[in-house]
Amino acid sequence: MDEYLKFVEFQDKEMENFVAEEEKLRQAHKDNVDAMTRRHWEEKVQLEERFNEELAKLMEKYSLSHPKKSNSI
């Protein structure tokens, strides 16, 4: 009976260790996914900013070379 109790205690301890390591693994995975998502959004924002800058330059180029005609009579 004593060996059985030792075995059960050993199994309980092993299960506790497993659960603790699994929690660490899941948290590390979540942290990695969060970091990747953050990098993705930062890159997307940079892409949008570059587009807006280029679009503003294009609009400025054409507004300067084609001045609006006044409709005054």
N, C-alpha and C. Protein backbone atom coordinates (compact mmCIF):
# COMPACT_ATOMS: atom_id res chain seq x y z
N MET A 1 0.82 -1.19 0.00
CA MET A 1 0.00 0.00 0.00
C MET A 1 0.86 1.26 0.00
N ASP A 2 1.99 1.20 0.69
CA ASP A 2 2.88 2.33 0.77
C ASP A 2 3.42 2.69 -0.62
N GLU A 3 3.74 1.69 -1.41
CA GLU A 3 4.23 1.93 -2.77
C GLU A 3 3.15 2.57 -3.63
N TYR A 4 1.94 2.16 -3.44
CA TYR A 4 0.82 2.73 -4.20
C TYR A 4 0.69 4.23 -3.88
N LEU A 5 0.77 4.61 -2.60
CA LEU A 5 0.67 6.01 -2.22
C LEU A 5 1.82 6.82 -2.79
N LYS A 6 3.02 6.25 -2.78
CA LYS A 6 4.17 6.94 -3.37
C LYS A 6 3.95 7.15 -4.86
N PHE A 7 3.41 6.13 -5.52
CA PHE A 7 3.15 6.23 -6.95
C PHE A 7 2.11 7.32 -7.23
N VAL A 8 1.05 7.38 -6.45
CA VAL A 8 0.01 8.39 -6.63
C VAL A 8 0.58 9.78 -6.37
N GLU A 9 1.38 9.94 -5.34
CA GLU A 9 2.01 11.23 -5.05
C GLU A 9 2.93 11.64 -6.19
N PHE A 10 3.68 10.68 -6.72
CA PHE A 10 4.58 10.95 -7.85
C PHE A 10 3.76 11.40 -9.06
N GLN A 11 2.68 10.71 -9.35
CA GLN A 11 1.82 11.07 -10.47
C GLN A 11 1.22 12.46 -10.28
N ASP A 12 0.78 12.76 -9.07
CA ASP A 12 0.22 14.09 -8.78
C ASP A 12 1.27 15.18 -9.02
N LYS A 13 2.48 14.94 -8.54
CA LYS A 13 3.56 15.91 -8.73
C LYS A 13 3.88 16.08 -10.20
N GLU A 14 3.92 15.00 -10.93
CA GLU A 14 4.19 15.06 -12.37
C GLU A 14 3.10 15.86 -13.09
N MET A 15 1.86 15.64 -12.70
CA MET A 15 0.76 16.36 -13.32
C MET A 15 0.85 17.85 -12.99
N GLU A 16 1.20 18.21 -11.77
CA GLU A 16 1.39 19.61 -11.41
C GLU A 16 2.49 20.24 -12.25
N ASN A 17 3.59 19.53 -12.42
CA ASN A 17 4.69 20.03 -13.24
C ASN A 17 4.25 20.21 -14.68
N PHE A 18 3.52 19.24 -15.20
CA PHE A 18 3.03 19.33 -16.57
C PHE A 18 2.15 20.56 -16.75
N VAL A 19 1.21 20.74 -15.83
CA VAL A 19 0.28 21.87 -15.93
C VAL A 19 1.05 23.19 -15.87
N ALA A 20 2.02 23.28 -14.98
CA ALA A 20 2.80 24.51 -14.85
C ALA A 20 3.59 24.79 -16.14
N GLU A 21 4.23 23.77 -16.69
CA GLU A 21 4.99 23.95 -17.93
C GLU A 21 4.08 24.27 -19.11
N GLU A 22 2.91 23.64 -19.12
CA GLU A 22 1.96 23.90 -20.21
C GLU A 22 1.49 25.36 -20.15
N GLU A 23 1.22 25.86 -18.95
CA GLU A 23 0.81 27.25 -18.80
C GLU A 23 1.90 28.20 -19.30
N LYS A 24 3.16 27.90 -18.96
CA LYS A 24 4.28 28.72 -19.43
C LYS A 24 4.36 28.69 -20.96
N LEU A 25 4.20 27.50 -21.54
CA LEU A 25 4.25 27.34 -22.99
C LEU A 25 3.13 28.12 -23.67
N ARG A 26 1.93 28.01 -23.14
CA ARG A 26 0.79 28.74 -23.71
C ARG A 26 0.98 30.25 -23.60
N GLN A 27 1.50 30.71 -22.48
CA GLN A 27 1.74 32.15 -22.31
C GLN A 27 2.81 32.64 -23.28
N ALA A 28 3.87 31.87 -23.45
CA ALA A 28 4.93 32.25 -24.39
C ALA A 28 4.37 32.31 -25.81
N HIS A 29 3.52 31.36 -26.16
CA HIS A 29 2.90 31.35 -27.49
C HIS A 29 2.01 32.59 -27.66
N LYS A 30 1.22 32.90 -26.66
CA LYS A 30 0.35 34.08 -26.71
C LYS A 30 1.19 35.34 -26.86
N ASP A 31 2.27 35.43 -26.11
CA ASP A 31 3.15 36.60 -26.20
C ASP A 31 3.74 36.73 -27.61
N ASN A 32 4.14 35.61 -28.20
CA ASN A 32 4.68 35.63 -29.56
C ASN A 32 3.63 36.06 -30.58
N VAL A 33 2.42 35.56 -30.43
CA VAL A 33 1.34 35.95 -31.35
C VAL A 33 1.03 37.44 -31.18
N ASP A 34 0.98 37.90 -29.95
CA ASP A 34 0.72 39.32 -29.69
C ASP A 34 1.81 40.20 -30.32
N ALA A 35 3.05 39.79 -30.18
CA ALA A 35 4.17 40.55 -30.75
C ALA A 35 4.08 40.57 -32.28
N MET A 36 3.74 39.44 -32.86
CA MET A 36 3.60 39.37 -34.31
C MET A 36 2.46 40.28 -34.78
N THR A 37 1.35 40.27 -34.07
CA THR A 37 0.21 41.11 -34.43
C THR A 37 0.59 42.58 -34.33
N ARG A 38 1.32 42.93 -33.28
CA ARG A 38 1.77 44.31 -33.11
C ARG A 38 2.68 44.72 -34.26
N ARG A 39 3.63 43.87 -34.65
CA ARG A 39 4.52 44.17 -35.78
C ARG A 39 3.72 44.33 -37.07
N HIS A 40 2.73 43.48 -37.25
CA HIS A 40 1.89 43.55 -38.44
C HIS A 40 1.19 44.90 -38.51
N TRP A 41 0.59 45.32 -37.42
CA TRP A 41 -0.14 46.60 -37.42
C TRP A 41 0.81 47.77 -37.59
N GLU A 42 2.00 47.71 -36.98
CA GLU A 42 2.97 48.78 -37.16
C GLU A 42 3.38 48.90 -38.62
N GLU A 43 3.61 47.75 -39.25
CA GLU A 43 3.99 47.75 -40.67
C GLU A 43 2.84 48.28 -41.53
N LYS A 44 1.62 47.91 -41.19
CA LYS A 44 0.47 48.37 -41.96
C LYS A 44 0.31 49.89 -41.83
N VAL A 45 0.51 50.41 -40.64
CA VAL A 45 0.42 51.86 -40.43
C VAL A 45 1.50 52.57 -41.25
N GLN A 46 2.72 52.04 -41.24
CA GLN A 46 3.80 52.64 -42.03
C GLN A 46 3.47 52.63 -43.52
N LEU A 47 2.90 51.54 -43.98
CA LEU A 47 2.50 51.43 -45.37
C LEU A 47 1.47 52.49 -45.73
N GLU A 48 0.47 52.66 -44.87
CA GLU A 48 -0.56 53.67 -45.10
C GLU A 48 0.02 55.08 -45.07
N GLU A 49 0.96 55.32 -44.14
CA GLU A 49 1.58 56.65 -44.07
C GLU A 49 2.37 56.95 -45.35
N ARG A 50 3.13 55.97 -45.84
CA ARG A 50 3.88 56.17 -47.10
C ARG A 50 2.93 56.45 -48.25
N PHE A 51 1.83 55.70 -48.32
CA PHE A 51 0.84 55.93 -49.37
C PHE A 51 0.28 57.34 -49.30
N ASN A 52 -0.09 57.77 -48.09
CA ASN A 52 -0.65 59.11 -47.93
C ASN A 52 0.36 60.19 -48.33
N GLU A 53 1.64 59.99 -47.99
CA GLU A 53 2.67 60.96 -48.39
C GLU A 53 2.81 61.02 -49.90
N GLU A 54 2.85 59.87 -50.55
CA GLU A 54 2.98 59.83 -52.01
C GLU A 54 1.75 60.41 -52.69
N LEU A 55 0.59 60.13 -52.15
CA LEU A 55 -0.64 60.68 -52.71
C LEU A 55 -0.67 62.20 -52.57
N ALA A 56 -0.23 62.71 -51.44
CA ALA A 56 -0.18 64.16 -51.23
C ALA A 56 0.79 64.79 -52.22
N LYS A 57 1.94 64.16 -52.45
CA LYS A 57 2.90 64.68 -53.43
C LYS A 57 2.28 64.69 -54.83
N LEU A 58 1.59 63.64 -55.17
CA LEU A 58 0.96 63.54 -56.49
C LEU A 58 -0.11 64.63 -56.64
N MET A 59 -0.92 64.81 -55.62
CA MET A 59 -1.96 65.83 -55.68
C MET A 59 -1.33 67.22 -55.79
N GLU A 60 -0.26 67.45 -55.05
CA GLU A 60 0.43 68.75 -55.10
C GLU A 60 1.02 68.98 -56.49
N LYS A 61 1.60 67.95 -57.05
CA LYS A 61 2.20 68.06 -58.39
C LYS A 61 1.16 68.50 -59.41
N TYR A 62 0.02 67.89 -59.39
CA TYR A 62 -1.00 68.20 -60.39
C TYR A 62 -1.77 69.47 -60.06
N SER A 63 -1.85 69.84 -58.81
CA SER A 63 -2.53 71.10 -58.49
C SER A 63 -1.65 72.29 -58.85
N LEU A 64 -0.34 72.13 -58.82
CA LEU A 64 0.57 73.22 -59.19
C LEU A 64 0.69 73.36 -60.70
N SER A 65 0.68 72.27 -61.41
CA SER A 65 0.87 72.34 -62.85
C SER A 65 -0.42 72.63 -63.60
N HIS A 66 -1.53 72.50 -62.95
CA HIS A 66 -2.83 72.77 -63.57
C HIS A 66 -3.63 73.70 -62.66
N PRO A 67 -3.29 75.00 -62.67
CA PRO A 67 -4.03 75.90 -61.79
C PRO A 67 -5.49 75.98 -62.18
N LYS A 68 -6.31 76.16 -61.18
CA LYS A 68 -7.75 76.24 -61.42
C LYS A 68 -8.08 77.54 -62.16
N LYS A 69 -8.95 77.44 -63.12
CA LYS A 69 -9.42 78.61 -63.84
C LYS A 69 -10.54 79.25 -63.05
N SER A 70 -10.49 80.58 -62.99
CA SER A 70 -11.56 81.24 -62.26
C SER A 70 -12.77 81.41 -63.18
N ASN A 71 -13.91 81.36 -62.62
CA ASN A 71 -15.16 81.50 -63.37
C ASN A 71 -15.72 82.90 -63.26
N SER A 72 -14.88 83.88 -62.97
CA SER A 72 -15.39 85.24 -62.84
C SER A 72 -15.64 85.85 -64.20
N ILE A 73 -16.71 86.59 -64.30
CA ILE A 73 -17.09 87.21 -65.59
C ILE A 73 -16.87 88.67 -65.52
